[in-house]
Amino acid sequence: NYEDENILPPAERSPAGYRLYRSLHAQALRAFLALRSGYGHQIA
């Protein structure tokens, strides 16, 4: 859902269509969850 809401950058896709994430996506999720604690969900 976070990816669909553009909170995470778009993921790559495997030949079978599965999402493939990288370290960039892992850090994006860490940043969002940390921002949400201080800024709130909407602003984060």
All heavy atoms as atom14 arrays in JSON, in Angstrom:
{
  "sequence": "NYEDENILPPAERSPAGYRLYRSLHAQALRAFLALRSGYGHQIA",
  "atom14_mask": [
    [1, 1, 1, 1, 1, 1, 1, 1, 0, 0, 0, 0, 0, 0],
    [1, 1, 1, 1, 1, 1, 1, 1, 1, 1, 1, 1, 0, 0],
    [1, 1, 1, 1, 1, 1, 1, 1, 1, 0, 0, 0, 0, 0],
    [1, 1, 1, 1, 1, 1, 1, 1, 0, 0, 0, 0, 0, 0],
    [1, 1, 1, 1, 1, 1, 1, 1, 1, 0, 0, 0, 0, 0],
    [1, 1, 1, 1, 1, 1, 1, 1, 0, 0, 0, 0, 0, 0],
    [1, 1, 1, 1, 1, 1, 1, 1, 0, 0, 0, 0, 0, 0],
    [1, 1, 1, 1, 1, 1, 1, 1, 0, 0, 0, 0, 0, 0],
    [1, 1, 1, 1, 1, 1, 1, 0, 0, 0, 0, 0, 0, 0],
    [1, 1, 1, 1, 1, 1, 1, 0, 0, 0, 0, 0, 0, 0],
    [1, 1, 1, 1, 1, 0, 0, 0, 0, 0, 0, 0, 0, 0],
    [1, 1, 1, 1, 1, 1, 1, 1, 1, 0, 0, 0, 0, 0],
    [1, 1, 1, 1, 1, 1, 1, 1, 1, 1, 1, 0, 0, 0],
    [1, 1, 1, 1, 1, 1, 0, 0, 0, 0, 0, 0, 0, 0],
    [1, 1, 1, 1, 1, 1, 1, 0, 0, 0, 0, 0, 0, 0],
    [1, 1, 1, 1, 1, 0, 0, 0, 0, 0, 0, 0, 0, 0],
    [1, 1, 1, 1, 0, 0, 0, 0, 0, 0, 0, 0, 0, 0],
    [1, 1, 1, 1, 1, 1, 1, 1, 1, 1, 1, 1, 0, 0],
    [1, 1, 1, 1, 1, 1, 1, 1, 1, 1, 1, 0, 0, 0],
    [1, 1, 1, 1, 1, 1, 1, 1, 0, 0, 0, 0, 0, 0],
    [1, 1, 1, 1, 1, 1, 1, 1, 1, 1, 1, 1, 0, 0],
    [1, 1, 1, 1, 1, 1, 1, 1, 1, 1, 1, 0, 0, 0],
    [1, 1, 1, 1, 1, 1, 0, 0, 0, 0, 0, 0, 0, 0],
    [1, 1, 1, 1, 1, 1, 1, 1, 0, 0, 0, 0, 0, 0],
    [1, 1, 1, 1, 1, 1, 1, 1, 1, 1, 0, 0, 0, 0],
    [1, 1, 1, 1, 1, 0, 0, 0, 0, 0, 0, 0, 0, 0],
    [1, 1, 1, 1, 1, 1, 1, 1, 1, 0, 0, 0, 0, 0],
    [1, 1, 1, 1, 1, 0, 0, 0, 0, 0, 0, 0, 0, 0],
    [1, 1, 1, 1, 1, 1, 1, 1, 0, 0, 0, 0, 0, 0],
    [1, 1, 1, 1, 1, 1, 1, 1, 1, 1, 1, 0, 0, 0],
    [1, 1, 1, 1, 1, 0, 0, 0, 0, 0, 0, 0, 0, 0],
    [1, 1, 1, 1, 1, 1, 1, 1, 1, 1, 1, 0, 0, 0],
    [1, 1, 1, 1, 1, 1, 1, 1, 0, 0, 0, 0, 0, 0],
    [1, 1, 1, 1, 1, 0, 0, 0, 0, 0, 0, 0, 0, 0],
    [1, 1, 1, 1, 1, 1, 1, 1, 0, 0, 0, 0, 0, 0],
    [1, 1, 1, 1, 1, 1, 1, 1, 1, 1, 1, 0, 0, 0],
    [1, 1, 1, 1, 1, 1, 0, 0, 0, 0, 0, 0, 0, 0],
    [1, 1, 1, 1, 0, 0, 0, 0, 0, 0, 0, 0, 0, 0],
    [1, 1, 1, 1, 1, 1, 1, 1, 1, 1, 1, 1, 0, 0],
    [1, 1, 1, 1, 0, 0, 0, 0, 0, 0, 0, 0, 0, 0],
    [1, 1, 1, 1, 1, 1, 1, 1, 1, 1, 0, 0, 0, 0],
    [1, 1, 1, 1, 1, 1, 1, 1, 1, 0, 0, 0, 0, 0],
    [1, 1, 1, 1, 1, 1, 1, 1, 0, 0, 0, 0, 0, 0],
    [1, 1, 1, 1, 1, 0, 0, 0, 0, 0, 0, 0, 0, 0]
  ],
  "atom14_positions": [
    [[0.83, -1.22, 0.0], [0.0, 0.0, 0.0], [0.86, 1.26, 0.0], [0.52, 2.23, -0.68], [-0.92, 0.0, 1.22], [-2.0, -1.06, 1.13], [-2.29, -1.58, 0.05], [-2.6, -1.4, 2.26], [0.0, 0.0, 0.0], [0.0, 0.0, 0.0], [0.0, 0.0, 0.0], [0.0, 0.0, 0.0], [0.0, 0.0, 0.0], [0.0, 0.0, 0.0]],
    [[1.95, 1.25, 0.76], [2.83, 2.42, 0.78], [3.42, 2.69, -0.6], [3.6, 3.84, -1.01], [3.95, 2.22, 1.8], [3.5, 2.25, 3.24], [4.16, 1.53, 4.23], [2.39, 3.01, 3.62], [3.73, 1.56, 5.55], [1.96, 3.05, 4.93], [2.64, 2.32, 5.9], [2.23, 2.36, 7.21], [0.0, 0.0, 0.0], [0.0, 0.0, 0.0]],
    [[3.73, 1.61, -1.32], [4.25, 1.81, -2.68], [3.16, 2.36, -3.59], [3.4, 3.28, -4.39], [4.79, 0.5, -3.24], [5.37, 0.66, -4.64], [5.65, -0.66, -5.32], [5.6, -1.71, -4.63], [5.9, -0.65, -6.54], [0.0, 0.0, 0.0], [0.0, 0.0, 0.0], [0.0, 0.0, 0.0], [0.0, 0.0, 0.0], [0.0, 0.0, 0.0]],
    [[1.95, 1.81, -3.47], [0.84, 2.28, -4.3], [0.51, 3.74, -4.03], [0.05, 4.46, -4.92], [-0.4, 1.42, -4.06], [-0.21, -0.02, -4.53], [0.69, -0.25, -5.37], [-0.94, -0.9, -4.05], [0.0, 0.0, 0.0], [0.0, 0.0, 0.0], [0.0, 0.0, 0.0], [0.0, 0.0, 0.0], [0.0, 0.0, 0.0], [0.0, 0.0, 0.0]],
    [[0.76, 4.2, -2.78], [0.49, 5.59, -2.41], [1.67, 6.51, -2.68], [1.68, 7.66, -2.27], [0.12, 5.66, -0.92], [-1.16, 4.92, -0.58], [-1.35, 4.79, 0.93], [-0.56, 5.39, 1.69], [-2.3, 4.11, 1.35], [0.0, 0.0, 0.0], [0.0, 0.0, 0.0], [0.0, 0.0, 0.0], [0.0, 0.0, 0.0], [0.0, 0.0, 0.0]],
    [[2.7, 5.97, -3.37], [3.9, 6.73, -3.75], [4.71, 7.18, -2.54], [5.52, 8.11, -2.64], [3.53, 7.96, -4.6], [2.87, 7.58, -5.9], [3.25, 6.59, -6.54], [1.87, 8.34, -6.31], [0.0, 0.0, 0.0], [0.0, 0.0, 0.0], [0.0, 0.0, 0.0], [0.0, 0.0, 0.0], [0.0, 0.0, 0.0], [0.0, 0.0, 0.0]],
    [[4.52, 6.53, -1.4], [5.37, 6.79, -0.24], [6.71, 6.11, -0.43], [7.75, 6.63, -0.03], [4.66, 6.31, 1.05], [3.43, 7.19, 1.31], [5.6, 6.33, 2.23], [2.57, 6.71, 2.46], [0.0, 0.0, 0.0], [0.0, 0.0, 0.0], [0.0, 0.0, 0.0], [0.0, 0.0, 0.0], [0.0, 0.0, 0.0], [0.0, 0.0, 0.0]],
    [[6.71, 4.94, -1.06], [7.92, 4.25, -1.47], [8.11, 4.44, -2.97], [7.12, 4.56, -3.71], [7.83, 2.75, -1.15], [7.58, 2.34, 0.3], [7.59, 0.82, 0.42], [8.61, 2.96, 1.22], [0.0, 0.0, 0.0], [0.0, 0.0, 0.0], [0.0, 0.0, 0.0], [0.0, 0.0, 0.0], [0.0, 0.0, 0.0], [0.0, 0.0, 0.0]],
    [[9.35, 4.46, -3.44], [9.57, 4.57, -4.88], [9.08, 3.3, -5.58], [8.93, 2.25, -4.95], [11.09, 4.73, -5.0], [11.64, 4.15, -3.74], [10.62, 4.41, -2.68], [0.0, 0.0, 0.0], [0.0, 0.0, 0.0], [0.0, 0.0, 0.0], [0.0, 0.0, 0.0], [0.0, 0.0, 0.0], [0.0, 0.0, 0.0], [0.0, 0.0, 0.0]],
    [[8.81, 3.37, -6.88], [8.32, 2.19, -7.6], [9.3, 1.03, -7.52], [10.51, 1.22, -7.57], [8.17, 2.7, -9.04], [8.05, 4.18, -8.91], [8.89, 4.56, -7.74], [0.0, 0.0, 0.0], [0.0, 0.0, 0.0], [0.0, 0.0, 0.0], [0.0, 0.0, 0.0], [0.0, 0.0, 0.0], [0.0, 0.0, 0.0], [0.0, 0.0, 0.0]],
    [[8.77, -0.16, -7.35], [9.61, -1.36, -7.26], [9.84, -1.94, -8.64], [9.07, -1.71, -9.58], [8.94, -2.38, -6.35], [0.0, 0.0, 0.0], [0.0, 0.0, 0.0], [0.0, 0.0, 0.0], [0.0, 0.0, 0.0], [0.0, 0.0, 0.0], [0.0, 0.0, 0.0], [0.0, 0.0, 0.0], [0.0, 0.0, 0.0], [0.0, 0.0, 0.0]],
    [[10.92, -2.7, -8.74], [11.15, -3.47, -9.95], [10.19, -4.66, -9.96], [9.57, -4.98, -8.95], [12.6, -3.96, -9.99], [13.64, -2.85, -9.91], [15.04, -3.42, -9.77], [15.24, -4.61, -10.14], [15.92, -2.71, -9.28], [0.0, 0.0, 0.0], [0.0, 0.0, 0.0], [0.0, 0.0, 0.0], [0.0, 0.0, 0.0], [0.0, 0.0, 0.0]],
    [[10.1, -5.32, -11.09], [9.24, -6.49, -11.21], [10.04, -7.67, -11.76], [10.85, -7.51, -12.68], [8.05, -6.2, -12.14], [7.08, -5.18, -11.59], [6.17, -5.77, -10.54], [5.2, -4.8, -10.03], [4.13, -5.13, -9.32], [3.9, -6.41, -9.05], [3.31, -4.2, -8.88], [0.0, 0.0, 0.0], [0.0, 0.0, 0.0], [0.0, 0.0, 0.0]],
    [[9.79, -8.83, -11.18], [10.42, -10.04, -11.69], [9.7, -10.48, -12.96], [8.61, -9.97, -13.27], [10.34, -11.14, -10.63], [8.99, -11.57, -10.47], [0.0, 0.0, 0.0], [0.0, 0.0, 0.0], [0.0, 0.0, 0.0], [0.0, 0.0, 0.0], [0.0, 0.0, 0.0], [0.0, 0.0, 0.0], [0.0, 0.0, 0.0], [0.0, 0.0, 0.0]],
    [[10.28, -11.41, -13.72], [9.56, -11.91, -14.91], [8.18, -12.45, -14.6], [7.28, -12.41, -15.45], [10.49, -13.01, -15.43], [11.85, -12.6, -14.96], [11.64, -11.97, -13.62], [0.0, 0.0, 0.0], [0.0, 0.0, 0.0], [0.0, 0.0, 0.0], [0.0, 0.0, 0.0], [0.0, 0.0, 0.0], [0.0, 0.0, 0.0], [0.0, 0.0, 0.0]],
    [[7.98, -12.93, -13.37], [6.67, -13.45, -12.98], [5.75, -12.36, -12.44], [4.6, -12.65, -12.11], [6.84, -14.54, -11.92], [0.0, 0.0, 0.0], [0.0, 0.0, 0.0], [0.0, 0.0, 0.0], [0.0, 0.0, 0.0], [0.0, 0.0, 0.0], [0.0, 0.0, 0.0], [0.0, 0.0, 0.0], [0.0, 0.0, 0.0], [0.0, 0.0, 0.0]],
    [[6.25, -11.12, -12.35], [5.42, -10.01, -11.91], [5.51, -9.69, -10.43], [4.77, -8.82, -9.95], [0.0, 0.0, 0.0], [0.0, 0.0, 0.0], [0.0, 0.0, 0.0], [0.0, 0.0, 0.0], [0.0, 0.0, 0.0], [0.0, 0.0, 0.0], [0.0, 0.0, 0.0], [0.0, 0.0, 0.0], [0.0, 0.0, 0.0], [0.0, 0.0, 0.0]],
    [[6.4, -10.36, -9.69], [6.52, -10.08, -8.26], [7.35, -8.81, -8.03], [8.27, -8.5, -8.8], [7.18, -11.26, -7.55], [6.34, -12.51, -7.55], [6.65, -13.59, -8.39], [5.22, -12.63, -6.73], [5.88, -14.74, -8.4], [4.44, -13.78, -6.74], [4.77, -14.82, -7.59], [3.99, -15.96, -7.61], [0.0, 0.0, 0.0], [0.0, 0.0, 0.0]],
    [[7.04, -8.12, -6.94], [7.77, -6.9, -6.59], [9.17, -7.26, -6.1], [9.34, -8.19, -5.3], [7.04, -6.11, -5.49], [5.77, -5.41, -5.96], [5.09, -4.73, -4.77], [4.02, -3.84, -5.18], [2.78, -4.18, -5.35], [2.43, -5.44, -5.18], [1.87, -3.3, -5.71], [0.0, 0.0, 0.0], [0.0, 0.0, 0.0], [0.0, 0.0, 0.0]],
    [[10.15, -6.49, -6.54], [11.54, -6.65, -6.11], [12.01, -5.31, -5.55], [12.06, -4.31, -6.26], [12.42, -7.09, -7.28], [12.06, -8.41, -7.97], [12.99, -8.67, -9.13], [12.1, -9.56, -6.96], [0.0, 0.0, 0.0], [0.0, 0.0, 0.0], [0.0, 0.0, 0.0], [0.0, 0.0, 0.0], [0.0, 0.0, 0.0], [0.0, 0.0, 0.0]],
    [[12.34, -5.3, -4.28], [12.8, -4.08, -3.62], [14.31, -4.12, -3.45], [14.94, -5.17, -3.46], [12.12, -3.92, -2.26], [10.63, -3.71, -2.34], [9.75, -4.66, -1.84], [10.1, -2.58, -2.92], [8.38, -4.48, -1.9], [8.73, -2.38, -2.99], [7.88, -3.33, -2.49], [6.52, -3.15, -2.56], [0.0, 0.0, 0.0], [0.0, 0.0, 0.0]],
    [[14.88, -2.93, -3.25], [16.31, -2.78, -3.02], [16.53, -2.07, -1.69], [15.59, -1.74, -0.98], [16.95, -1.99, -4.18], [16.77, -2.6, -5.55], [17.57, -3.87, -5.71], [17.38, -4.48, -7.03], [17.99, -5.59, -7.42], [18.81, -6.21, -6.59], [17.75, -6.09, -8.62], [0.0, 0.0, 0.0], [0.0, 0.0, 0.0], [0.0, 0.0, 0.0]],
    [[17.8, -1.81, -1.38], [18.12, -1.09, -0.15], [17.51, 0.31, -0.15], [17.2, 0.86, 0.91], [19.63, -1.0, 0.04], [20.23, -0.29, -1.04], [0.0, 0.0, 0.0], [0.0, 0.0, 0.0], [0.0, 0.0, 0.0], [0.0, 0.0, 0.0], [0.0, 0.0, 0.0], [0.0, 0.0, 0.0], [0.0, 0.0, 0.0], [0.0, 0.0, 0.0]],
    [[17.3, 0.9, -1.33], [16.67, 2.21, -1.42], [15.26, 2.17, -0.85], [14.84, 3.08, -0.12], [16.65, 2.66, -2.88], [15.95, 4.0, -3.17], [16.76, 5.14, -2.58], [15.77, 4.19, -4.67], [0.0, 0.0, 0.0], [0.0, 0.0, 0.0], [0.0, 0.0, 0.0], [0.0, 0.0, 0.0], [0.0, 0.0, 0.0], [0.0, 0.0, 0.0]],
    [[14.52, 1.11, -1.16], [13.15, 1.0, -0.66], [13.14, 0.74, 0.85], [12.27, 1.26, 1.56], [12.43, -0.13, -1.39], [12.35, 0.06, -2.87], [13.36, -0.34, -3.72], [11.39, 0.62, -3.65], [13.02, -0.05, -4.96], [11.82, 0.53, -4.95], [0.0, 0.0, 0.0], [0.0, 0.0, 0.0], [0.0, 0.0, 0.0], [0.0, 0.0, 0.0]],
    [[14.11, -0.03, 1.32], [14.18, -0.3, 2.76], [14.42, 0.99, 3.54], [13.81, 1.23, 4.58], [15.28, -1.32, 3.05], [0.0, 0.0, 0.0], [0.0, 0.0, 0.0], [0.0, 0.0, 0.0], [0.0, 0.0, 0.0], [0.0, 0.0, 0.0], [0.0, 0.0, 0.0], [0.0, 0.0, 0.0], [0.0, 0.0, 0.0], [0.0, 0.0, 0.0]],
    [[15.3, 1.85, 3.02], [15.58, 3.11, 3.7], [14.4, 4.07, 3.57], [14.13, 4.84, 4.48], [16.85, 3.75, 3.13], [17.28, 5.03, 3.83], [17.48, 4.82, 5.32], [18.02, 3.8, 5.76], [17.05, 5.79, 6.12], [0.0, 0.0, 0.0], [0.0, 0.0, 0.0], [0.0, 0.0, 0.0], [0.0, 0.0, 0.0], [0.0, 0.0, 0.0]],
    [[13.69, 4.01, 2.46], [12.5, 4.85, 2.31], [11.46, 4.5, 3.36], [10.81, 5.38, 3.95], [11.91, 4.69, 0.91], [0.0, 0.0, 0.0], [0.0, 0.0, 0.0], [0.0, 0.0, 0.0], [0.0, 0.0, 0.0], [0.0, 0.0, 0.0], [0.0, 0.0, 0.0], [0.0, 0.0, 0.0], [0.0, 0.0, 0.0], [0.0, 0.0, 0.0]],
    [[11.28, 3.2, 3.62], [10.3, 2.79, 4.62], [10.75, 3.22, 6.01], [9.93, 3.67, 6.83], [10.12, 1.28, 4.56], [9.07, 0.7, 5.51], [7.7, 1.32, 5.26], [8.99, -0.82, 5.34], [0.0, 0.0, 0.0], [0.0, 0.0, 0.0], [0.0, 0.0, 0.0], [0.0, 0.0, 0.0], [0.0, 0.0, 0.0], [0.0, 0.0, 0.0]],
    [[12.05, 3.09, 6.3], [12.55, 3.56, 7.6], [12.31, 5.06, 7.76], [11.91, 5.53, 8.84], [14.04, 3.26, 7.72], [14.4, 1.79, 7.74], [15.88, 1.58, 8.04], [16.29, 0.23, 7.66], [17.0, -0.06, 6.59], [17.4, 0.91, 5.78], [17.32, -1.3, 6.3], [0.0, 0.0, 0.0], [0.0, 0.0, 0.0], [0.0, 0.0, 0.0]],
    [[12.56, 5.81, 6.71], [12.38, 7.26, 6.78], [10.92, 7.62, 7.01], [10.6, 8.47, 7.85], [12.9, 7.92, 5.5], [0.0, 0.0, 0.0], [0.0, 0.0, 0.0], [0.0, 0.0, 0.0], [0.0, 0.0, 0.0], [0.0, 0.0, 0.0], [0.0, 0.0, 0.0], [0.0, 0.0, 0.0], [0.0, 0.0, 0.0], [0.0, 0.0, 0.0]],
    [[10.02, 6.97, 6.3], [8.6, 7.31, 6.45], [8.09, 7.01, 7.86], [7.41, 7.83, 8.47], [7.77, 6.54, 5.43], [6.29, 6.62, 5.68], [5.6, 7.81, 5.5], [5.59, 5.51, 6.13], [4.24, 7.89, 5.75], [4.24, 5.59, 6.39], [3.56, 6.79, 6.2], [0.0, 0.0, 0.0], [0.0, 0.0, 0.0], [0.0, 0.0, 0.0]],
    [[8.43, 5.83, 8.38], [7.94, 5.46, 9.7], [8.52, 6.36, 10.79], [7.84, 6.71, 11.76], [8.26, 4.0, 9.99], [7.57, 2.98, 9.08], [8.02, 1.57, 9.42], [6.05, 3.1, 9.18], [0.0, 0.0, 0.0], [0.0, 0.0, 0.0], [0.0, 0.0, 0.0], [0.0, 0.0, 0.0], [0.0, 0.0, 0.0], [0.0, 0.0, 0.0]],
    [[9.79, 6.77, 10.6], [10.39, 7.69, 11.57], [9.76, 9.08, 11.47], [9.5, 9.73, 12.48], [11.9, 7.77, 11.35], [0.0, 0.0, 0.0], [0.0, 0.0, 0.0], [0.0, 0.0, 0.0], [0.0, 0.0, 0.0], [0.0, 0.0, 0.0], [0.0, 0.0, 0.0], [0.0, 0.0, 0.0], [0.0, 0.0, 0.0], [0.0, 0.0, 0.0]],
    [[9.51, 9.54, 10.25], [8.86, 10.84, 10.07], [7.44, 10.82, 10.64], [6.99, 11.82, 11.21], [8.82, 11.2, 8.59], [10.14, 11.58, 7.92], [9.97, 11.64, 6.41], [10.65, 12.91, 8.45], [0.0, 0.0, 0.0], [0.0, 0.0, 0.0], [0.0, 0.0, 0.0], [0.0, 0.0, 0.0], [0.0, 0.0, 0.0], [0.0, 0.0, 0.0]],
    [[6.74, 9.73, 10.47], [5.36, 9.65, 10.93], [5.25, 9.83, 12.44], [4.27, 10.39, 12.94], [4.76, 8.31, 10.51], [3.26, 8.21, 10.74], [2.72, 6.89, 10.22], [3.26, 5.74, 10.93], [2.9, 4.49, 10.68], [2.03, 4.23, 9.72], [3.43, 3.49, 11.37], [0.0, 0.0, 0.0], [0.0, 0.0, 0.0], [0.0, 0.0, 0.0]],
    [[6.26, 9.39, 13.18], [6.22, 9.52, 14.63], [6.24, 10.98, 15.07], [5.63, 11.34, 16.08], [7.4, 8.77, 15.27], [7.32, 7.39, 14.98], [0.0, 0.0, 0.0], [0.0, 0.0, 0.0], [0.0, 0.0, 0.0], [0.0, 0.0, 0.0], [0.0, 0.0, 0.0], [0.0, 0.0, 0.0], [0.0, 0.0, 0.0], [0.0, 0.0, 0.0]],
    [[6.95, 11.83, 14.32], [7.07, 13.23, 14.71], [6.18, 14.17, 13.93], [5.68, 15.16, 14.49], [0.0, 0.0, 0.0], [0.0, 0.0, 0.0], [0.0, 0.0, 0.0], [0.0, 0.0, 0.0], [0.0, 0.0, 0.0], [0.0, 0.0, 0.0], [0.0, 0.0, 0.0], [0.0, 0.0, 0.0], [0.0, 0.0, 0.0], [0.0, 0.0, 0.0]],
    [[5.96, 13.88, 12.66], [5.22, 14.79, 11.79], [3.76, 14.38, 11.58], [2.97, 15.18, 11.11], [5.9, 14.88, 10.42], [7.25, 15.55, 10.45], [8.4, 14.85, 10.77], [7.39, 16.9, 10.13], [9.65, 15.46, 10.79], [8.62, 17.53, 10.13], [9.74, 16.79, 10.47], [10.98, 17.41, 10.49], [0.0, 0.0, 0.0], [0.0, 0.0, 0.0]],
    [[3.43, 13.14, 11.92], [2.1, 12.65, 11.62], [2.05, 11.99, 10.25], [2.9, 12.25, 9.39], [0.0, 0.0, 0.0], [0.0, 0.0, 0.0], [0.0, 0.0, 0.0], [0.0, 0.0, 0.0], [0.0, 0.0, 0.0], [0.0, 0.0, 0.0], [0.0, 0.0, 0.0], [0.0, 0.0, 0.0], [0.0, 0.0, 0.0], [0.0, 0.0, 0.0]],
    [[1.04, 11.15, 10.05], [0.96, 10.35, 8.82], [0.83, 11.24, 7.58], [1.53, 11.03, 6.58], [-0.23, 9.39, 8.9], [-0.33, 8.49, 7.71], [0.2, 7.22, 7.7], [-0.9, 8.68, 6.48], [-0.03, 6.66, 6.52], [-0.7, 7.51, 5.76], [0.0, 0.0, 0.0], [0.0, 0.0, 0.0], [0.0, 0.0, 0.0], [0.0, 0.0, 0.0]],
    [[-0.04, 12.22, 7.62], [-0.31, 13.03, 6.42], [0.91, 13.8, 5.97], [1.27, 13.78, 4.78], [-1.47, 13.98, 6.69], [-1.87, 14.81, 5.49], [-3.09, 15.67, 5.76], [-3.71, 15.59, 6.83], [-3.46, 16.5, 4.81], [0.0, 0.0, 0.0], [0.0, 0.0, 0.0], [0.0, 0.0, 0.0], [0.0, 0.0, 0.0], [0.0, 0.0, 0.0]],
    [[1.57, 14.49, 6.89], [2.74, 15.29, 6.51], [3.9, 14.38, 6.12], [4.65, 14.67, 5.17], [3.13, 16.23, 7.65], [2.0, 17.21, 7.93], [4.41, 17.0, 7.32], [2.28, 18.17, 9.07], [0.0, 0.0, 0.0], [0.0, 0.0, 0.0], [0.0, 0.0, 0.0], [0.0, 0.0, 0.0], [0.0, 0.0, 0.0], [0.0, 0.0, 0.0]],
    [[4.08, 13.27, 6.83], [5.16, 12.33, 6.48], [4.97, 11.79, 5.07], [5.93, 11.67, 4.29], [5.21, 11.19, 7.49], [0.0, 0.0, 0.0], [0.0, 0.0, 0.0], [0.0, 0.0, 0.0], [0.0, 0.0, 0.0], [0.0, 0.0, 0.0], [0.0, 0.0, 0.0], [0.0, 0.0, 0.0], [0.0, 0.0, 0.0], [0.0, 0.0, 0.0]]
  ]
}
